[in-house]
């Protein structure tokens, strides 16, 4: 093996990047803040929560995206040694968030499940149990279909799993819930644009210290008229965001949400 070939094999693969160019400057300008910065929620339209979810105080709606339940099971079926338990822990965390914030409704903006091969009896039973717990406390469960749900085909039955409503998109002024932010262009013409909440991109941000140390974490990303949620699922990848002038970014951790000064 030549030195060049050895160096090529040893070189790390570049981190995938999230291309975010969607913005709706005519959409309503809403107040977005981490719940630590606005604990009373006074005047806040969207509160960003520790644990990678968001709360809409006006309607008591908790929103998250990209759980990808069953992804670890999909990898195990392919022979990869992936530990069990990630889906169960994500559902426990989701239930705790709903209860902590007394959410009257849970909206998952796509990719609740990862693939048909990962929808094992255990994964489906755990999700059904989660829905039973949420509905017993009066919380409605709504799924906005993502690209991974669409790949499941006709064998995917949301009602059998305890999902109250399953839609391609959900428009509730001033909000519009979709999975892929690129579908912003499909908003009805002649009507006032709505503020879009989406997922799909799994955004991450890399921070570099003066000494050169790096930290990469999941993040919330907002541009005019659009909020992209971090992936909620533990066993999911990420795409690095390149900050732009009209972009606001918050580092999304389980123990807190931190606004970053990324504007140049």
C-alpha atoms as a PDB file:
ATOM      1  CA  UNK A   1       0.000   0.000   0.000  1.00  0.00           C
ATOM      2  CA  UNK A   2       1.358   3.408  -0.928  1.00  0.00           C
ATOM      3  CA  UNK A   3       1.649   6.232   1.599  1.00  0.00           C
ATOM      4  CA  UNK A   4      -1.005   8.223  -0.280  1.00  0.00           C
ATOM      5  CA  UNK A   5      -3.452   5.294  -0.132  1.00  0.00           C
ATOM      6  CA  UNK A   6      -2.793   4.809   3.579  1.00  0.00           C
ATOM      7  CA  UNK A   7      -3.394   8.492   4.262  1.00  0.00           C
ATOM      8  CA  UNK A   8      -6.587   8.374   2.223  1.00  0.00           C
ATOM      9  CA  UNK A   9      -7.918   5.417   4.217  1.00  0.00           C
ATOM     10  CA  UNK A  10      -7.004   7.055   7.526  1.00  0.00           C
ATOM     11  CA  UNK A  11      -8.541  10.439   6.690  1.00  0.00           C
ATOM     12  CA  UNK A  12     -11.792  11.081   8.583  1.00  0.00           C
ATOM     13  CA  UNK A  13     -14.943  11.538   6.553  1.00  0.00           C
ATOM     14  CA  UNK A  14     -16.245  15.112   6.491  1.00  0.00           C
ATOM     15  CA  UNK A  15     -19.262  15.839   8.650  1.00  0.00           C
ATOM     16  CA  UNK A  16     -22.434  16.146   6.534  1.00  0.00           C
ATOM     17  CA  UNK A  17     -23.737  19.704   6.339  1.00  0.00           C
ATOM     18  CA  UNK A  18     -27.290  20.922   6.599  1.00  0.00           C
ATOM     19  CA  UNK A  19     -28.159  23.343   3.819  1.00  0.00           C
ATOM     20  CA  UNK A  20     -30.679  25.806   5.249  1.00  0.00           C
ATOM     21  CA  UNK A  21     -31.785  28.449   2.800  1.00  0.00           C
ATOM     22  CA  UNK A  22     -35.503  28.531   3.599  1.00  0.00           C
ATOM     23  CA  UNK A  23     -36.882  31.721   5.069  1.00  0.00           C
ATOM     24  CA  UNK A  24     -40.229  33.486   4.985  1.00  0.00           C
ATOM     25  CA  UNK A  25     -39.596  37.130   5.793  1.00  0.00           C
ATOM     26  CA  UNK A  26     -43.314  37.908   5.429  1.00  0.00           C
ATOM     27  CA  UNK A  27     -44.319  35.290   7.978  1.00  0.00           C
ATOM     28  CA  UNK A  28     -45.251  36.542  11.441  1.00  0.00           C
ATOM     29  CA  UNK A  29     -42.296  37.488  13.632  1.00  0.00           C
ATOM     30  CA  UNK A  30     -42.677  35.345  16.725  1.00  0.00           C
ATOM     31  CA  UNK A  31     -40.904  35.493  20.068  1.00  0.00           C
ATOM     32  CA  UNK A  32     -38.574  32.493  20.528  1.00  0.00           C
ATOM     33  CA  UNK A  33     -36.533  31.910  23.673  1.00  0.00           C
ATOM     34  CA  UNK A  34     -35.162  29.122  25.812  1.00  0.00           C
ATOM     35  CA  UNK A  35     -37.340  28.390  28.801  1.00  0.00           C
ATOM     36  CA  UNK A  36     -34.400  29.258  31.068  1.00  0.00           C
ATOM     37  CA  UNK A  37     -34.432  32.797  29.654  1.00  0.00           C
ATOM     38  CA  UNK A  38     -38.224  33.117  29.945  1.00  0.00           C
ATOM     39  CA  UNK A  39     -39.350  30.955  32.885  1.00  0.00           C
ATOM     40  CA  UNK A  40     -42.760  32.661  33.149  1.00  0.00           C
ATOM     41  CA  UNK A  41     -43.339  32.299  29.381  1.00  0.00           C
ATOM     42  CA  UNK A  42     -44.725  35.859  29.344  1.00  0.00           C
ATOM     43  CA  UNK A  43     -44.800  37.134  25.763  1.00  0.00           C
ATOM     44  CA  UNK A  44     -43.168  33.970  24.387  1.00  0.00           C
ATOM     45  CA  UNK A  45     -44.626  32.210  21.348  1.00  0.00           C
ATOM     46  CA  UNK A  46     -42.117  29.330  21.255  1.00  0.00           C
ATOM     47  CA  UNK A  47     -40.197  28.114  24.307  1.00  0.00           C
ATOM     48  CA  UNK A  48     -37.181  25.909  23.595  1.00  0.00           C
ATOM     49  CA  UNK A  49     -36.891  23.110  26.137  1.00  0.00           C
ATOM     50  CA  UNK A  50     -34.008  21.088  27.525  1.00  0.00           C
ATOM     51  CA  UNK A  51     -34.329  17.631  26.025  1.00  0.00           C
ATOM     52  CA  UNK A  52     -34.672  18.800  22.384  1.00  0.00           C
ATOM     53  CA  UNK A  53     -38.339  19.794  22.184  1.00  0.00           C
ATOM     54  CA  UNK A  54     -40.314  23.037  22.005  1.00  0.00           C
ATOM     55  CA  UNK A  55     -43.432  24.280  23.773  1.00  0.00           C
ATOM     56  CA  UNK A  56     -46.118  26.539  22.306  1.00  0.00           C
ATOM     57  CA  UNK A  57     -47.587  28.095  25.452  1.00  0.00           C
ATOM     58  CA  UNK A  58     -50.718  29.510  23.812  1.00  0.00           C
ATOM     59  CA  UNK A  59     -52.064  26.058  22.949  1.00  0.00           C
ATOM     60  CA  UNK A  60     -50.162  23.862  25.398  1.00  0.00           C
ATOM     61  CA  UNK A  61     -48.530  22.037  22.485  1.00  0.00           C
ATOM     62  CA  UNK A  62     -45.211  20.225  22.843  1.00  0.00           C
ATOM     63  CA  UNK A  63     -43.410  19.731  19.521  1.00  0.00           C
ATOM     64  CA  UNK A  64     -40.516  17.417  18.672  1.00  0.00           C
ATOM     65  CA  UNK A  65     -39.070  15.770  15.575  1.00  0.00           C
ATOM     66  CA  UNK A  66     -37.070  12.798  14.355  1.00  0.00           C
ATOM     67  CA  UNK A  67     -37.294  10.177  17.081  1.00  0.00           C
ATOM     68  CA  UNK A  68     -36.407   7.444  14.562  1.00  0.00           C
ATOM     69  CA  UNK A  69     -37.762   4.725  16.841  1.00  0.00           C
ATOM     70  CA  UNK A  70     -36.467   1.323  15.790  1.00  0.00           C
ATOM     71  CA  UNK A  71     -33.282   2.595  14.161  1.00  0.00           C
ATOM     72  CA  UNK A  72     -31.107   0.654  16.605  1.00  0.00           C
ATOM     73  CA  UNK A  73     -33.217  -2.465  15.984  1.00  0.00           C
ATOM     74  CA  UNK A  74     -32.768  -1.976  12.227  1.00  0.00           C
ATOM     75  CA  UNK A  75     -28.992  -1.923  12.678  1.00  0.00           C
ATOM     76  CA  UNK A  76     -29.084  -4.993  14.937  1.00  0.00           C
ATOM     77  CA  UNK A  77     -31.022  -6.926  12.303  1.00  0.00           C
ATOM     78  CA  UNK A  78     -28.228  -6.047   9.874  1.00  0.00           C
ATOM     79  CA  UNK A  79     -25.751  -7.701  12.236  1.00  0.00           C
ATOM     80  CA  UNK A  80     -24.346  -4.597  13.891  1.00  0.00           C
ATOM     81  CA  UNK A  81     -23.713  -4.807  17.665  1.00  0.00           C
ATOM     82  CA  UNK A  82     -25.949  -1.911  18.775  1.00  0.00           C
ATOM     83  CA  UNK A  83     -27.159  -1.906  22.417  1.00  0.00           C
ATOM     84  CA  UNK A  84     -30.883  -2.122  23.126  1.00  0.00           C
ATOM     85  CA  UNK A  85     -32.918   0.418  25.048  1.00  0.00           C
ATOM     86  CA  UNK A  86     -32.498   3.678  23.115  1.00  0.00           C
ATOM     87  CA  UNK A  87     -36.116   3.766  21.906  1.00  0.00           C
ATOM     88  CA  UNK A  88     -37.483   3.024  25.368  1.00  0.00           C
ATOM     89  CA  UNK A  89     -35.359   5.733  26.978  1.00  0.00           C
ATOM     90  CA  UNK A  90     -36.400   8.286  24.349  1.00  0.00           C
ATOM     91  CA  UNK A  91     -40.079   7.524  24.993  1.00  0.00           C
ATOM     92  CA  UNK A  92     -39.599   7.830  28.738  1.00  0.00           C
ATOM     93  CA  UNK A  93     -37.903  11.182  28.220  1.00  0.00           C
ATOM     94  CA  UNK A  94     -40.716  12.336  25.939  1.00  0.00           C
ATOM     95  CA  UNK A  95     -43.396  11.324  28.431  1.00  0.00           C
ATOM     96  CA  UNK A  96     -41.585  13.185  31.211  1.00  0.00           C
ATOM     97  CA  UNK A  97     -41.388  16.356  29.085  1.00  0.00           C
ATOM     98  CA  UNK A  98     -45.112  16.221  28.318  1.00  0.00           C
ATOM     99  CA  UNK A  99     -45.957  15.775  31.988  1.00  0.00           C
ATOM    100  CA  UNK A 100     -43.507  18.373  33.261  1.00  0.00           C
ATOM    101  CA  UNK A 101     -44.992  21.047  31.023  1.00  0.00           C
ATOM    102  CA  UNK A 102     -48.604  19.808  31.291  1.00  0.00           C
ATOM    103  CA  UNK A 103     -48.869  19.679  27.498  1.00  0.00           C
ATOM    104  CA  UNK A 104     -52.390  19.204  26.197  1.00  0.00           C
ATOM    105  CA  UNK A 105     -51.081  18.007  22.843  1.00  0.00           C
ATOM    106  CA  UNK A 106     -47.958  16.357  21.436  1.00  0.00           C
ATOM    107  CA  UNK A 107     -47.063  17.053  17.804  1.00  0.00           C
ATOM    108  CA  UNK A 108     -44.271  14.989  16.250  1.00  0.00           C
ATOM    109  CA  UNK A 109     -43.163  16.641  13.014  1.00  0.00           C
ATOM    110  CA  UNK A 110     -42.061  13.535  11.201  1.00  0.00           C
ATOM    111  CA  UNK A 111     -39.795  10.496  11.332  1.00  0.00           C
ATOM    112  CA  UNK A 112     -41.308   9.032  14.454  1.00  0.00           C
ATOM    113  CA  UNK A 113     -40.211   5.611  13.188  1.00  0.00           C
ATOM    114  CA  UNK A 114     -37.083   4.781  11.228  1.00  0.00           C
ATOM    115  CA  UNK A 115     -37.806   1.749   9.043  1.00  0.00           C
ATOM    116  CA  UNK A 116     -40.132  -1.201   8.754  1.00  0.00           C
ATOM    117  CA  UNK A 117     -37.410  -3.665   9.748  1.00  0.00           C
ATOM    118  CA  UNK A 118     -36.936  -1.766  12.996  1.00  0.00           C
ATOM    119  CA  UNK A 119     -40.618  -1.767  13.942  1.00  0.00           C
ATOM    120  CA  UNK A 120     -40.261  -4.851  16.102  1.00  0.00           C
ATOM    121  CA  UNK A 121     -42.953  -5.997  18.478  1.00  0.00           C
ATOM    122  CA  UNK A 122     -40.943  -4.557  21.363  1.00  0.00           C
ATOM    123  CA  UNK A 123     -40.562  -1.126  19.729  1.00  0.00           C
ATOM    124  CA  UNK A 124     -44.256  -0.931  18.813  1.00  0.00           C
ATOM    125  CA  UNK A 125     -45.364  -2.120  22.255  1.00  0.00           C
ATOM    126  CA  UNK A 126     -43.183   0.512  23.929  1.00  0.00           C
ATOM    127  CA  UNK A 127     -44.653   3.241  21.747  1.00  0.00           C
ATOM    128  CA  UNK A 128     -48.226   2.035  22.343  1.00  0.00           C
ATOM    129  CA  UNK A 129     -47.577   2.093  26.097  1.00  0.00           C
ATOM    130  CA  UNK A 130     -46.284   5.650  25.780  1.00  0.00           C
ATOM    131  CA  UNK A 131     -49.453   6.713  23.934  1.00  0.00           C
ATOM    132  CA  UNK A 132     -51.654   5.058  26.545  1.00  0.00           C
ATOM    133  CA  UNK A 133     -49.889   6.996  29.293  1.00  0.00           C
ATOM    134  CA  UNK A 134     -50.150  10.290  27.414  1.00  0.00           C
ATOM    135  CA  UNK A 135     -53.806   9.857  26.504  1.00  0.00           C
ATOM    136  CA  UNK A 136     -54.720   8.810  30.029  1.00  0.00           C
ATOM    137  CA  UNK A 137     -53.550  12.235  31.186  1.00  0.00           C
ATOM    138  CA  UNK A 138     -55.535  13.987  28.457  1.00  0.00           C
ATOM    139  CA  UNK A 139     -52.717  14.589  25.964  1.00  0.00           C
ATOM    140  CA  UNK A 140     -53.591  14.310  22.272  1.00  0.00           C
ATOM    141  CA  UNK A 141     -50.977  12.700  20.013  1.00  0.00           C
ATOM    142  CA  UNK A 142     -50.547  14.080  16.478  1.00  0.00           C
ATOM    143  CA  UNK A 143     -48.072  12.847  13.860  1.00  0.00           C
ATOM    144  CA  UNK A 144     -47.053  14.909  10.837  1.00  0.00           C
ATOM    145  CA  UNK A 145     -45.775  12.361   8.339  1.00  0.00           C
ATOM    146  CA  UNK A 146     -42.063  12.353   7.550  1.00  0.00           C
ATOM    147  CA  UNK A 147     -40.141  10.714   4.745  1.00  0.00           C
ATOM    148  CA  UNK A 148     -39.452   7.651   6.893  1.00  0.00           C
ATOM    149  CA  UNK A 149     -43.161   7.116   7.661  1.00  0.00           C
ATOM    150  CA  UNK A 150     -43.941   7.377   3.958  1.00  0.00           C
ATOM    151  CA  UNK A 151     -41.416   4.625   3.291  1.00  0.00           C
ATOM    152  CA  UNK A 152     -43.306   2.281   5.634  1.00  0.00           C
ATOM    153  CA  UNK A 153     -46.182   2.110   3.156  1.00  0.00           C
ATOM    154  CA  UNK A 154     -49.681   0.820   3.828  1.00  0.00           C
ATOM    155  CA  UNK A 155     -48.535  -1.442   6.640  1.00  0.00           C
ATOM    156  CA  UNK A 156     -48.167   1.639   8.861  1.00  0.00           C
ATOM    157  CA  UNK A 157     -51.410   2.111  10.836  1.00  0.00           C
ATOM    158  CA  UNK A 158     -51.185   5.160  13.157  1.00  0.00           C
ATOM    159  CA  UNK A 159     -54.579   4.552  14.766  1.00  0.00           C
ATOM    160  CA  UNK A 160     -53.620   1.026  15.831  1.00  0.00           C
ATOM    161  CA  UNK A 161     -50.611   2.510  17.633  1.00  0.00           C
ATOM    162  CA  UNK A 162     -52.614   5.061  19.606  1.00  0.00           C
ATOM    163  CA  UNK A 163     -51.963   8.129  17.441  1.00  0.00           C
ATOM    164  CA  UNK A 164     -55.003  10.412  17.453  1.00  0.00           C
ATOM    165  CA  UNK A 165     -54.326  12.222  14.178  1.00  0.00           C
ATOM    166  CA  UNK A 166     -51.904  11.595  11.315  1.00  0.00           C
ATOM    167  CA  UNK A 167     -51.521  14.307   8.643  1.00  0.00           C
ATOM    168  CA  UNK A 168     -49.155  15.318   5.847  1.00  0.00           C
ATOM    169  CA  UNK A 169     -48.955  18.817   7.294  1.00  0.00           C
ATOM    170  CA  UNK A 170     -50.784  20.819   9.918  1.00  0.00           C
ATOM    171  CA  UNK A 171     -51.718  24.485   9.493  1.00  0.00           C
ATOM    172  CA  UNK A 172     -52.861  26.341  12.605  1.00  0.00           C
ATOM    173  CA  UNK A 173     -52.243  30.086  12.265  1.00  0.00           C
ATOM    174  CA  UNK A 174     -49.781  31.462  13.043  1.00  0.00           C
ATOM    175  CA  UNK A 175     -48.048  28.063  12.780  1.00  0.00           C
ATOM    176  CA  UNK A 176     -47.533  25.493  10.079  1.00  0.00           C
ATOM    177  CA  UNK A 177     -46.062  22.105  10.986  1.00  0.00           C
ATOM    178  CA  UNK A 178     -44.230  20.104   8.306  1.00  0.00           C
ATOM    179  CA  UNK A 179     -41.418  17.585   8.308  1.00  0.00           C
ATOM    180  CA  UNK A 180     -39.150  18.927   5.586  1.00  0.00           C
ATOM    181  CA  UNK A 181     -38.451  22.677   5.637  1.00  0.00           C
ATOM    182  CA  UNK A 182     -38.074  22.691   1.852  1.00  0.00           C
ATOM    183  CA  UNK A 183     -41.861  22.309   1.636  1.00  0.00           C
ATOM    184  CA  UNK A 184     -42.183  25.934   2.772  1.00  0.00           C
ATOM    185  CA  UNK A 185     -42.465  26.843  -0.910  1.00  0.00           C
ATOM    186  CA  UNK A 186     -45.726  24.874  -1.069  1.00  0.00           C
ATOM    187  CA  UNK A 187     -47.608  27.286   1.160  1.00  0.00           C
ATOM    188  CA  UNK A 188     -50.888  28.356  -0.471  1.00  0.00           C
ATOM    189  CA  UNK A 189     -50.541  31.442  -2.629  1.00  0.00           C
ATOM    190  CA  UNK A 190     -52.699  34.401  -1.830  1.00  0.00           C
ATOM    191  CA  UNK A 191     -52.765  33.611   1.879  1.00  0.00           C
ATOM    192  CA  UNK A 192     -50.617  35.154   4.619  1.00  0.00           C
ATOM    193  CA  UNK A 193     -47.509  32.996   5.152  1.00  0.00           C
ATOM    194  CA  UNK A 194     -47.378  31.018   8.357  1.00  0.00           C
ATOM    195  CA  UNK A 195     -44.447  30.463  10.681  1.00  0.00           C
ATOM    196  CA  UNK A 196     -43.111  26.990   9.867  1.00  0.00           C
ATOM    197  CA  UNK A 197     -41.879  24.464  12.422  1.00  0.00           C
ATOM    198  CA  UNK A 198     -40.005  21.545  10.841  1.00  0.00           C
ATOM    199  CA  UNK A 199     -37.449  18.815  11.447  1.00  0.00           C
ATOM    200  CA  UNK A 200     -35.716  16.449   9.002  1.00  0.00           C
ATOM    201  CA  UNK A 201     -32.282  18.097   8.915  1.00  0.00           C
ATOM    202  CA  UNK A 202     -30.947  16.938  12.314  1.00  0.00           C
ATOM    203  CA  UNK A 203     -28.980  20.190  12.717  1.00  0.00           C
ATOM    204  CA  UNK A 204     -25.759  20.316  14.743  1.00  0.00           C
ATOM    205  CA  UNK A 205     -23.312  23.111  15.510  1.00  0.00           C
ATOM    206  CA  UNK A 206     -19.574  22.868  16.144  1.00  0.00           C
ATOM    207  CA  UNK A 207     -18.013  25.255  18.656  1.00  0.00           C
ATOM    208  CA  UNK A 208     -14.266  25.874  18.706  1.00  0.00           C
ATOM    209  CA  UNK A 209     -12.402  27.234  21.734  1.00  0.00           C
ATOM    210  CA  UNK A 210      -9.404  29.611  21.472  1.00  0.00           C
ATOM    211  CA  UNK A 211      -7.153  26.640  22.213  1.00  0.00           C
ATOM    212  CA  UNK A 212      -8.619  24.670  19.326  1.00  0.00           C
ATOM    213  CA  UNK A 213     -10.833  22.280  21.301  1.00  0.00           C
ATOM    214  CA  UNK A 214     -14.092  21.421  19.569  1.00  0.00           C
ATOM    215  CA  UNK A 215     -17.575  20.604  20.799  1.00  0.00           C
ATOM    216  CA  UNK A 216     -20.329  19.456  18.456  1.00  0.00           C
ATOM    217  CA  UNK A 217     -23.909  19.340  19.662  1.00  0.00           C
ATOM    218  CA  UNK A 218     -27.455  19.335  18.384  1.00  0.00           C
ATOM    219  CA  UNK A 219     -29.166  22.655  17.979  1.00  0.00           C
ATOM    220  CA  UNK A 220     -32.340  24.601  17.283  1.00  0.00           C
ATOM    221  CA  UNK A 221     -32.059  26.795  14.183  1.00  0.00           C
ATOM    222  CA  UNK A 222     -34.302  29.751  13.357  1.00  0.00           C
ATOM    223  CA  UNK A 223     -34.414  31.899  10.245  1.00  0.00           C
ATOM    224  CA  UNK A 224     -37.165  34.408   9.442  1.00  0.00           C
ATOM    225  CA  UNK A 225     -40.430  32.489   9.482  1.00  0.00           C
ATOM    226  CA  UNK A 226     -38.858  29.092  10.198  1.00  0.00           C
ATOM    227  CA  UNK A 227     -37.731  26.995  13.176  1.00  0.00           C
ATOM    228  CA  UNK A 228     -35.894  23.713  12.630  1.00  0.00           C
ATOM    229  CA  UNK A 229     -35.922  21.348  15.586  1.00  0.00           C
ATOM    230  CA  UNK A 230     -32.999  19.142  16.618  1.00  0.00           C
ATOM    231  CA  UNK A 231     -33.469  15.396  16.292  1.00  0.00           C
ATOM    232  CA  UNK A 232     -35.094  14.070  19.442  1.00  0.00           C
ATOM    233  CA  UNK A 233     -33.930  10.468  19.139  1.00  0.00           C
ATOM    234  CA  UNK A 234     -30.759   9.420  20.910  1.00  0.00           C
ATOM    235  CA  UNK A 235     -29.576   7.136  18.108  1.00  0.00           C
ATOM    236  CA  UNK A 236     -29.630   9.629  15.237  1.00  0.00           C
ATOM    237  CA  UNK A 237     -26.933  11.318  13.203  1.00  0.00           C
ATOM    238  CA  UNK A 238     -26.493  15.025  12.594  1.00  0.00           C
ATOM    239  CA  UNK A 239     -25.738  17.553   9.873  1.00  0.00           C
ATOM    240  CA  UNK A 240     -23.567  20.533  10.658  1.00  0.00           C
ATOM    241  CA  UNK A 241     -25.055  23.976  10.228  1.00  0.00           C
ATOM    242  CA  UNK A 242     -23.063  26.875   8.776  1.00  0.00           C
ATOM    243  CA  UNK A 243     -24.338  30.025  10.518  1.00  0.00           C
ATOM    244  CA  UNK A 244     -25.544  32.908   8.382  1.00  0.00           C
ATOM    245  CA  UNK A 245     -26.383  36.498   9.242  1.00  0.00           C
ATOM    246  CA  UNK A 246     -30.150  35.952   9.458  1.00  0.00           C
ATOM    247  CA  UNK A 247     -29.852  32.780  11.535  1.00  0.00           C
ATOM    248  CA  UNK A 248     -30.345  32.251  15.273  1.00  0.00           C
ATOM    249  CA  UNK A 249     -28.954  29.106  16.899  1.00  0.00           C
ATOM    250  CA  UNK A 250     -29.428  27.552  20.322  1.00  0.00           C
ATOM    251  CA  UNK A 251     -27.334  24.636  21.562  1.00  0.00           C
ATOM    252  CA  UNK A 252     -29.813  21.891  22.525  1.00  0.00           C
ATOM    253  CA  UNK A 253     -28.758  19.741  25.446  1.00  0.00           C
ATOM    254  CA  UNK A 254     -30.644  17.471  27.827  1.00  0.00           C
ATOM    255  CA  UNK A 255     -29.740  19.763  30.726  1.00  0.00           C
ATOM    256  CA  UNK A 256     -30.324  23.133  29.084  1.00  0.00           C
ATOM    257  CA  UNK A 257     -30.705  25.318  25.993  1.00  0.00           C
ATOM    258  CA  UNK A 258     -28.011  27.922  25.306  1.00  0.00           C
ATOM    259  CA  UNK A 259     -28.354  30.806  22.833  1.00  0.00           C
ATOM    260  CA  UNK A 260     -25.204  31.161  20.725  1.00  0.00           C
ATOM    261  CA  UNK A 261     -23.807  34.407  19.406  1.00  0.00           C
ATOM    262  CA  UNK A 262     -23.297  33.265  15.810  1.00  0.00           C
ATOM    263  CA  UNK A 263     -24.129  36.509  14.003  1.00  0.00           C
ATOM    264  CA  UNK A 264     -21.243  38.192  12.273  1.00  0.00           C
END
